[in-house]
């Protein structure tokens, strides 16, 4: 992202950091604890010193790209799968508590009540962080550190599959498109979705519904291409009873797998999950629901 667009994005990022630091300073003044900004800064410094490349994503990047602010205790760093162990080791040496929470996609590192997420895939086993994420990343400065941000295309790709009953990231996608559509590398984005192009099309249709006056921001050629695929798509056979809903929600389609005879799409070769990962991922549902109830969410 260069020129005027890059300058505007940097100015927005600076304002976000300043707001974040002011909030963090108030927390230190009232609690005496290390502020989140200090913790995040220290965590990133440890990774940089250990030569572990990372990208910043999540709520911070959505705010930078789309101007949407929301309070979140999460701080998401994206790393390549083969750097997970090095990241965990570096943070453990610094006194952090570390764990591979879900070995197929997520590790965590914490100190006291603060923690960071180390993400290397999506929870459905897709969207692996590869070299392209880093080649396309945007340079930025956060809390005095030179860092890289996940590109909008990769954030859209990762978020597009999150359609849980308690969480749907479609609004993040719509806001990113509303702010960044003219700068999106559309061929790259379409390529990212591969056989899941219907998921991308669904979000683009929703975008046009949410923002009727902004429909022109999505190139007509992209919509025409995806609708053309829809029209030409061969009819599925009854023998191929696969449910891809499990790639969108880990809970809401279990009924189809367990009782209705559908094959779980998460066991396809392209998905980086096996039966053990699926069991572990499924068992965590009840625990996380209990934690949300305890927090009053």
Protein backbone atom coordinates (compact mmCIF):
# COMPACT_ATOMS: atom_id res chain seq x y z
CA UNK A 1 0.00 0.00 0.00
CA UNK A 2 1.71 3.17 -1.15
CA UNK A 3 1.07 6.86 -1.68
CA UNK A 4 -1.94 8.66 -0.31
CA UNK A 5 -3.68 5.45 0.79
CA UNK A 6 -0.64 4.34 2.77
CA UNK A 7 -0.33 7.77 4.42
CA UNK A 8 -3.98 7.71 5.48
CA UNK A 9 -3.64 4.20 6.87
CA UNK A 10 -0.48 5.16 8.78
CA UNK A 11 -2.16 8.23 10.25
CA UNK A 12 -5.06 6.08 11.41
CA UNK A 13 -2.66 3.53 12.88
CA UNK A 14 -0.85 6.26 14.81
CA UNK A 15 -4.12 7.51 16.28
CA UNK A 16 -5.06 3.96 17.29
CA UNK A 17 -1.72 3.39 19.00
CA UNK A 18 -1.97 6.69 20.86
CA UNK A 19 -5.49 5.85 22.05
CA UNK A 20 -4.36 2.37 23.07
CA UNK A 21 -1.36 3.72 25.00
CA UNK A 22 -3.47 6.33 26.81
CA UNK A 23 -5.90 3.61 27.89
CA UNK A 24 -3.04 1.39 28.99
CA UNK A 25 -1.47 4.23 30.99
CA UNK A 26 -4.73 4.74 32.88
CA UNK A 27 -4.75 1.02 33.70
CA UNK A 28 -1.26 1.21 35.17
CA UNK A 29 -2.18 4.29 37.19
CA UNK A 30 -5.21 2.59 38.76
CA UNK A 31 -4.03 -1.02 39.13
CA UNK A 32 -0.26 -0.84 39.33
CA UNK A 33 -0.07 -3.78 36.93
CA UNK A 34 1.91 -3.96 33.71
CA UNK A 35 -0.19 -2.40 30.95
CA UNK A 36 -1.32 -4.47 27.99
CA UNK A 37 0.76 -2.31 25.69
CA UNK A 38 3.90 -3.00 27.73
CA UNK A 39 3.15 -6.72 27.72
CA UNK A 40 2.48 -6.84 23.99
CA UNK A 41 5.54 -4.76 23.23
CA UNK A 42 7.74 -6.99 25.38
CA UNK A 43 6.28 -10.11 23.75
CA UNK A 44 7.01 -8.81 20.25
CA UNK A 45 10.53 -7.78 21.24
CA UNK A 46 11.22 -11.30 22.54
CA UNK A 47 10.14 -12.79 19.22
CA UNK A 48 12.17 -10.30 17.23
CA UNK A 49 15.26 -11.04 19.33
CA UNK A 50 14.72 -14.75 18.70
CA UNK A 51 14.41 -14.10 14.94
CA UNK A 52 10.87 -15.45 14.84
CA UNK A 53 8.96 -13.60 12.08
CA UNK A 54 5.40 -12.63 12.99
CA UNK A 55 2.51 -10.54 11.71
CA UNK A 56 -0.04 -8.61 13.74
CA UNK A 57 -3.65 -9.44 12.97
CA UNK A 58 -6.99 -9.60 14.75
CA UNK A 59 -8.84 -6.65 16.26
CA UNK A 60 -5.89 -4.26 15.95
CA UNK A 61 -5.61 -4.76 12.19
CA UNK A 62 -9.37 -4.50 11.69
CA UNK A 63 -9.20 -1.14 13.43
CA UNK A 64 -6.27 0.00 11.29
CA UNK A 65 -7.89 -1.01 8.00
CA UNK A 66 -11.55 -0.37 8.74
CA UNK A 67 -11.61 2.08 11.64
CA UNK A 68 -13.80 -0.27 13.71
CA UNK A 69 -12.93 -0.14 17.39
CA UNK A 70 -13.87 -2.83 19.86
CA UNK A 71 -12.52 -3.79 23.24
CA UNK A 72 -10.68 -7.08 23.09
CA UNK A 73 -8.30 -8.79 25.47
CA UNK A 74 -6.92 -10.81 22.56
CA UNK A 75 -3.70 -9.87 20.80
CA UNK A 76 -3.17 -12.02 17.73
CA UNK A 77 0.24 -12.72 16.22
CA UNK A 78 0.43 -14.84 13.07
CA UNK A 79 3.43 -17.08 12.50
CA UNK A 80 4.42 -19.87 10.13
CA UNK A 81 3.75 -23.39 11.47
CA UNK A 82 7.44 -24.30 11.49
CA UNK A 83 8.19 -21.30 13.75
CA UNK A 84 5.72 -22.25 16.49
CA UNK A 85 8.20 -24.19 18.61
CA UNK A 86 10.83 -21.45 18.33
CA UNK A 87 8.27 -18.84 19.39
CA UNK A 88 7.15 -20.91 22.37
CA UNK A 89 10.74 -21.56 23.44
CA UNK A 90 11.70 -17.88 23.23
CA UNK A 91 8.72 -16.78 25.32
CA UNK A 92 9.15 -19.62 27.82
CA UNK A 93 12.77 -18.53 28.41
CA UNK A 94 11.41 -15.07 29.22
CA UNK A 95 9.19 -16.52 31.95
CA UNK A 96 5.96 -16.88 30.01
CA UNK A 97 3.57 -19.77 30.49
CA UNK A 98 3.16 -21.40 27.08
CA UNK A 99 1.03 -24.12 25.57
CA UNK A 100 -0.11 -25.48 22.23
CA UNK A 101 -3.76 -24.98 23.04
CA UNK A 102 -4.91 -26.59 19.81
CA UNK A 103 -1.94 -28.18 18.03
CA UNK A 104 -3.53 -27.87 14.61
CA UNK A 105 -3.84 -24.07 14.69
CA UNK A 106 -3.17 -22.16 17.95
CA UNK A 107 -0.59 -21.70 20.70
CA UNK A 108 -0.79 -19.29 23.61
CA UNK A 109 1.79 -17.52 25.74
CA UNK A 110 0.93 -15.63 28.89
CA UNK A 111 2.31 -13.79 31.88
CA UNK A 112 -0.11 -13.30 34.76
CA UNK A 113 -3.50 -12.41 33.31
CA UNK A 114 -2.12 -11.19 29.99
CA UNK A 115 -1.54 -13.45 27.03
CA UNK A 116 -0.99 -13.46 23.30
CA UNK A 117 -2.33 -15.85 20.68
CA UNK A 118 0.14 -17.40 18.26
CA UNK A 119 -1.95 -18.35 15.23
CA UNK A 120 -0.62 -20.44 12.36
CA UNK A 121 -3.88 -21.65 10.76
CA UNK A 122 -7.60 -21.13 11.11
CA UNK A 123 -9.46 -23.27 13.63
CA UNK A 124 -10.95 -25.31 10.77
CA UNK A 125 -7.50 -26.41 9.59
CA UNK A 126 -7.44 -24.12 6.54
CA UNK A 127 -5.76 -20.74 5.86
CA UNK A 128 -2.25 -21.83 6.80
CA UNK A 129 0.16 -18.95 7.33
CA UNK A 130 2.68 -19.30 4.51
CA UNK A 131 5.38 -17.18 2.91
CA UNK A 132 2.80 -15.23 0.92
CA UNK A 133 1.37 -13.78 4.14
CA UNK A 134 4.76 -12.18 4.85
CA UNK A 135 5.46 -11.14 1.26
CA UNK A 136 2.17 -9.24 1.16
CA UNK A 137 2.28 -7.84 4.71
CA UNK A 138 2.14 -4.10 5.36
CA UNK A 139 4.93 -2.36 7.26
CA UNK A 140 3.93 -0.42 10.34
CA UNK A 141 5.24 0.93 13.63
CA UNK A 142 3.60 -0.09 16.88
CA UNK A 143 4.73 1.05 20.32
CA UNK A 144 8.10 2.02 18.88
CA UNK A 145 8.69 -1.30 17.14
CA UNK A 146 8.88 -1.88 13.41
CA UNK A 147 6.26 -4.55 12.72
CA UNK A 148 4.25 -6.03 9.88
CA UNK A 149 0.47 -6.25 9.63
CA UNK A 150 -1.50 -9.02 7.97
CA UNK A 151 -2.75 -7.86 4.58
CA UNK A 152 -6.49 -7.23 4.17
CA UNK A 153 -6.81 -10.15 1.75
CA UNK A 154 -5.51 -12.65 4.31
CA UNK A 155 -7.70 -11.20 7.06
CA UNK A 156 -10.77 -11.56 4.83
CA UNK A 157 -9.79 -15.14 3.97
CA UNK A 158 -9.24 -16.12 7.60
CA UNK A 159 -12.39 -14.44 8.92
CA UNK A 160 -14.68 -15.65 6.14
CA UNK A 161 -15.02 -19.11 7.72
CA UNK A 162 -16.00 -17.89 11.20
CA UNK A 163 -19.75 -18.41 11.36
CA UNK A 164 -20.37 -19.70 14.85
CA UNK A 165 -23.65 -19.11 16.64
CA UNK A 166 -21.88 -16.89 19.16
CA UNK A 167 -19.47 -15.28 16.70
CA UNK A 168 -19.80 -14.23 13.08
CA UNK A 169 -16.95 -12.25 11.51
CA UNK A 170 -18.93 -11.12 8.47
CA UNK A 171 -19.20 -7.59 9.82
CA UNK A 172 -15.40 -7.33 9.99
CA UNK A 173 -15.21 -8.44 6.37
CA UNK A 174 -17.87 -5.96 5.28
CA UNK A 175 -16.07 -3.11 7.05
CA UNK A 176 -12.70 -4.06 5.56
CA UNK A 177 -14.23 -4.18 2.09
CA UNK A 178 -16.01 -0.88 2.61
CA UNK A 179 -12.70 0.77 3.52
CA UNK A 180 -10.20 -1.13 1.36
CA UNK A 181 -12.01 -2.66 -1.64
CA UNK A 182 -10.29 -0.39 -4.17
CA UNK A 183 -6.89 -1.59 -2.90
CA UNK A 184 -7.71 -5.29 -2.67
CA UNK A 185 -5.74 -7.67 -4.90
CA UNK A 186 -8.85 -9.42 -6.17
CA UNK A 187 -7.17 -12.20 -8.21
CA UNK A 188 -5.12 -13.10 -5.14
CA UNK A 189 -8.18 -13.08 -2.87
CA UNK A 190 -10.20 -15.30 -5.22
CA UNK A 191 -7.22 -17.66 -5.53
CA UNK A 192 -6.94 -17.89 -1.74
CA UNK A 193 -10.43 -19.33 -1.43
CA UNK A 194 -9.78 -22.00 -4.04
CA UNK A 195 -12.57 -24.62 -3.94
CA UNK A 196 -14.34 -22.57 -1.25
CA UNK A 197 -15.18 -19.75 -3.66
CA UNK A 198 -18.84 -20.01 -2.60
CA UNK A 199 -17.82 -18.70 0.83
CA UNK A 200 -16.26 -15.61 -0.74
CA UNK A 201 -19.28 -15.11 -2.99
CA UNK A 202 -21.61 -15.25 0.03
CA UNK A 203 -19.70 -12.44 1.74
CA UNK A 204 -19.64 -10.33 -1.42
CA UNK A 205 -23.41 -10.76 -1.83
CA UNK A 206 -23.90 -9.71 1.79
CA UNK A 207 -21.60 -6.71 1.25
CA UNK A 208 -23.83 -5.50 -1.59
CA UNK A 209 -26.86 -5.94 0.64
CA UNK A 210 -25.28 -4.14 3.60
CA UNK A 211 -23.94 -1.24 1.53
CA UNK A 212 -26.09 -0.84 -1.63
CA UNK A 213 -24.29 2.38 -2.57
CA UNK A 214 -20.88 0.67 -2.31
CA UNK A 215 -21.51 -2.31 -4.58
CA UNK A 216 -19.38 -0.74 -7.28
CA UNK A 217 -16.31 -1.20 -5.07
CA UNK A 218 -16.32 -4.93 -5.82
CA UNK A 219 -15.23 -5.39 -9.45
CA UNK A 220 -18.04 -6.65 -11.66
CA UNK A 221 -15.58 -9.12 -13.20
CA UNK A 222 -15.12 -10.81 -9.83
CA UNK A 223 -18.87 -11.17 -9.27
CA UNK A 224 -19.39 -12.36 -12.86
CA UNK A 225 -16.64 -14.95 -12.47
CA UNK A 226 -18.06 -16.38 -9.25
CA UNK A 227 -21.66 -16.41 -10.45
CA UNK A 228 -20.45 -18.04 -13.67
CA UNK A 229 -18.89 -20.82 -11.57
CA UNK A 230 -22.19 -21.18 -9.72
CA UNK A 231 -24.11 -21.63 -12.95
CA UNK A 232 -21.65 -24.15 -14.37
CA UNK A 233 -21.19 -26.16 -11.20
CA UNK A 234 -22.16 -29.81 -11.77
CA UNK A 235 -24.88 -31.34 -9.65
CA UNK A 236 -23.48 -33.24 -6.66
CA UNK A 237 -24.28 -36.92 -6.47
CA UNK A 238 -26.20 -38.39 -3.55
CA UNK A 239 -23.29 -40.72 -2.85
CA UNK A 240 -21.04 -37.76 -2.06
CA UNK A 241 -22.76 -36.75 1.16
CA UNK A 242 -20.23 -34.31 2.58
CA UNK A 243 -21.02 -31.55 5.05
CA UNK A 244 -18.75 -28.52 4.76
CA UNK A 245 -20.62 -26.74 7.52
CA UNK A 246 -17.96 -27.99 9.95
CA UNK A 247 -15.50 -25.69 8.17
CA UNK A 248 -17.72 -22.76 9.20
CA UNK A 249 -18.81 -23.82 12.69
CA UNK A 250 -17.32 -26.53 14.87
CA UNK A 251 -20.60 -27.12 16.78
CA UNK A 252 -23.66 -26.35 14.70
CA UNK A 253 -23.19 -29.13 12.13
CA UNK A 254 -22.09 -31.95 14.43
CA UNK A 255 -25.61 -33.33 14.19
CA UNK A 256 -25.12 -33.87 10.45
CA UNK A 257 -21.90 -35.80 11.03
CA UNK A 258 -22.92 -37.80 14.06
CA UNK A 259 -26.55 -38.63 13.24
CA UNK A 260 -27.37 -37.92 9.60
CA UNK A 261 -24.61 -39.75 7.80
CA UNK A 262 -22.74 -36.83 6.27
CA UNK A 263 -18.98 -37.02 5.83
CA UNK A 264 -16.97 -34.43 7.76
CA UNK A 265 -15.19 -32.07 5.34
CA UNK A 266 -12.50 -31.50 7.96
CA UNK A 267 -11.12 -34.95 7.17
CA UNK A 268 -10.41 -34.04 3.54
CA UNK A 269 -6.75 -34.10 2.55
CA UNK A 270 -6.51 -30.33 2.05
CA UNK A 271 -7.54 -29.67 5.67
CA UNK A 272 -4.80 -29.78 8.30
CA UNK A 273 -6.83 -31.70 10.88
CA UNK A 274 -7.12 -35.36 11.84
CA UNK A 275 -9.62 -37.23 13.99
CA UNK A 276 -7.68 -36.48 17.17
CA UNK A 277 -7.61 -32.75 16.40
CA UNK A 278 -11.36 -32.80 15.75
CA UNK A 279 -12.07 -34.57 19.05
CA UNK A 280 -9.89 -32.11 20.97
CA UNK A 281 -11.48 -29.12 19.18
CA UNK A 282 -14.97 -30.46 19.87
CA UNK A 283 -14.36 -31.25 23.55
CA UNK A 284 -13.31 -27.63 24.11
CA UNK A 285 -16.76 -26.33 23.13
CA UNK A 286 -18.36 -27.02 26.52
CA UNK A 287 -15.41 -25.57 28.42
CA UNK A 288 -15.46 -22.35 26.39
CA UNK A 289 -19.23 -22.01 26.70
CA UNK A 290 -18.90 -22.34 30.48
CA UNK A 291 -16.20 -19.66 30.52
CA UNK A 292 -18.39 -17.28 28.49
CA UNK A 293 -21.29 -17.81 30.88
CA UNK A 294 -19.00 -17.08 33.81
CA UNK A 295 -17.97 -13.82 32.14
CA UNK A 296 -21.59 -12.94 31.48
CA UNK A 297 -21.19 -12.99 27.70
